[in-house]
Protein backbone atom coordinates (compact mmCIF):
# COMPACT_ATOMS: atom_id res chain seq x y z
CA MET A 1 151.48 -138.01 160.83
CA GLY A 2 153.92 -136.74 158.17
CA VAL A 3 156.51 -139.51 158.50
CA GLN A 4 158.72 -140.51 155.59
CA VAL A 5 159.98 -144.10 155.29
CA VAL A 6 163.45 -144.49 153.76
CA GLY A 7 165.82 -147.41 153.12
CA TYR A 8 168.45 -148.17 155.73
CA PRO A 9 171.25 -150.75 156.02
CA PRO A 10 169.98 -154.34 156.16
CA LEU A 11 168.69 -155.59 159.51
CA HIS A 12 168.43 -152.10 160.98
CA ARG A 13 165.47 -149.90 161.79
CA LYS A 14 165.19 -146.55 163.42
CA ALA A 15 162.73 -143.71 163.97
CA VAL A 16 164.16 -140.23 164.26
CA PRO A 17 162.28 -137.26 165.71
CA ASP A 18 162.50 -135.18 162.56
CA GLY A 19 159.98 -137.39 160.78
CA PHE A 20 161.85 -140.33 159.28
CA VAL A 21 161.55 -144.07 159.74
CA MET A 22 164.51 -145.93 158.30
CA LEU A 23 164.02 -149.60 157.49
CA GLY A 24 166.42 -152.31 156.49
CA GLN A 25 165.42 -155.38 154.54
CA LEU A 26 162.46 -157.16 156.14
CA ALA A 27 161.31 -160.75 155.71
CA ASP A 28 157.70 -160.14 154.65
CA SER A 29 154.77 -157.74 154.73
CA ARG A 30 153.75 -158.79 158.27
CA GLU A 31 157.22 -158.04 159.59
CA LYS A 32 157.20 -154.72 157.73
CA ARG A 33 153.82 -153.76 159.21
CA THR A 34 154.93 -154.78 162.71
CA VAL A 35 158.11 -152.72 162.45
CA LEU A 36 156.34 -149.68 160.97
CA GLU A 37 153.64 -149.79 163.66
CA HIS A 38 156.34 -150.05 166.33
CA GLU A 39 158.24 -147.07 164.94
CA LYS A 40 154.96 -145.14 164.60
CA GLN A 41 154.49 -145.52 168.35
CA HIS A 42 157.84 -143.81 168.91
CA PHE A 43 156.41 -140.74 167.14
CA ARG A 44 153.00 -140.95 168.81
CA LEU A 45 154.58 -141.16 172.27
CA SER A 46 157.59 -138.93 171.51
CA ALA A 47 159.62 -141.87 172.78
CA PHE A 48 163.03 -141.10 171.33
CA TYR A 49 166.41 -141.50 172.97
CA PRO A 50 169.97 -140.64 171.99
CA LYS A 51 172.31 -143.33 170.70
CA ASP A 52 174.46 -143.04 173.81
CA CYS A 53 171.65 -143.19 176.38
CA PRO A 54 171.95 -145.66 179.27
CA PRO A 55 170.60 -149.16 178.47
CA GLN A 56 167.98 -148.86 181.21
CA GLU A 57 166.52 -145.72 179.60
CA ARG A 58 166.44 -147.44 176.20
CA ARG A 59 164.69 -150.53 177.63
CA ARG A 60 162.15 -148.36 179.45
CA SER A 61 161.36 -146.41 176.27
CA GLU A 62 161.10 -149.56 174.15
CA ALA A 63 158.83 -151.24 176.72
CA ARG A 64 156.52 -148.21 176.67
CA VAL A 65 156.41 -148.33 172.87
CA ASP A 66 155.77 -152.08 172.88
CA ARG A 67 152.84 -151.71 175.31
CA ALA A 68 151.26 -149.04 173.12
CA LEU A 69 151.89 -151.14 170.00
CA ILE A 70 150.19 -154.18 171.47
CA GLN A 71 147.17 -152.21 172.62
CA GLU A 72 146.79 -150.62 169.20
CA VAL A 73 147.29 -153.56 166.84
CA CYS A 74 146.32 -156.50 169.12
CA PRO A 75 143.53 -155.33 171.41
CA ALA A 76 142.55 -157.94 173.99
CA SER A 77 138.95 -157.95 172.78
CA GLN A 78 140.06 -158.88 169.27
CA LEU A 79 142.38 -161.61 170.52
CA LYS A 80 139.55 -163.07 172.64
CA GLN A 81 137.25 -163.06 169.62
CA LEU A 82 139.82 -164.84 167.44
CA LEU A 83 140.52 -167.41 170.16
CA ARG A 84 136.78 -168.13 170.44
CA LYS A 85 136.86 -168.87 166.69
CA GLY A 86 139.61 -171.41 167.37
CA ARG A 87 142.43 -169.47 165.69
CA THR A 88 146.06 -170.40 166.40
CA VAL A 89 148.84 -167.86 167.03
CA ALA A 90 149.95 -168.22 163.41
CA GLU A 91 146.41 -167.66 162.12
CA ILE A 92 145.91 -164.66 164.39
CA ALA A 93 149.18 -163.16 163.17
CA GLU A 94 148.13 -163.69 159.57
CA GLU A 95 144.68 -162.19 160.12
CA LEU A 96 146.05 -159.13 161.95
CA GLU A 97 148.95 -158.85 159.46
CA ILE A 98 151.60 -158.83 162.19
CA THR A 99 154.34 -161.21 163.31
CA GLU A 100 153.67 -164.29 165.41
CA GLU A 101 156.21 -162.92 167.88
CA LEU A 102 154.04 -159.85 168.46
CA VAL A 103 150.94 -161.98 168.97
CA THR A 104 152.83 -164.05 171.55
CA GLN A 105 154.01 -160.86 173.27
CA ALA A 106 150.43 -159.57 173.30
CA PHE A 107 149.15 -162.71 175.01
CA ALA A 108 151.91 -162.42 177.63
CA PHE A 109 151.20 -158.70 178.13
CA TYR A 110 147.48 -159.19 178.73
CA ARG A 111 147.97 -162.30 180.89
CA ALA A 112 150.42 -160.38 183.09
CA MET A 113 147.62 -157.89 183.83
CA ASP A 114 144.93 -160.57 184.21
CA PRO A 115 145.92 -164.27 184.22
CA ASP A 116 142.32 -165.29 183.41
CA ILE A 117 141.75 -162.78 180.61
CA PHE A 118 141.46 -165.41 177.87
CA THR A 119 139.41 -167.98 179.78
CA ASP A 120 135.65 -167.93 179.51
């Protein structure tokens, strides 16, 4: 994809259309992977917005990126398989090398489309 990752002030992250992802200090490797995968979706979807864009436009773009992120790194089929094995949210996050927050968001995303998706 030709994206360069560079350091950025702590607690900040940003993808810019000219091929850079800037990351601040992250807690651990799962948080780093989650953030990098999220920023990658901005490039894949060309989902960039100016700093001064209206909040509604920013939320819409971020929601689109989050949906794509979930479908890529937490496919429903994989979550179902891990649930069948009795894995907890924390264990799923560890196995997929992503944050627990993203796993929780993925469950909510898929359940919003089909409330019975994870029941057999």
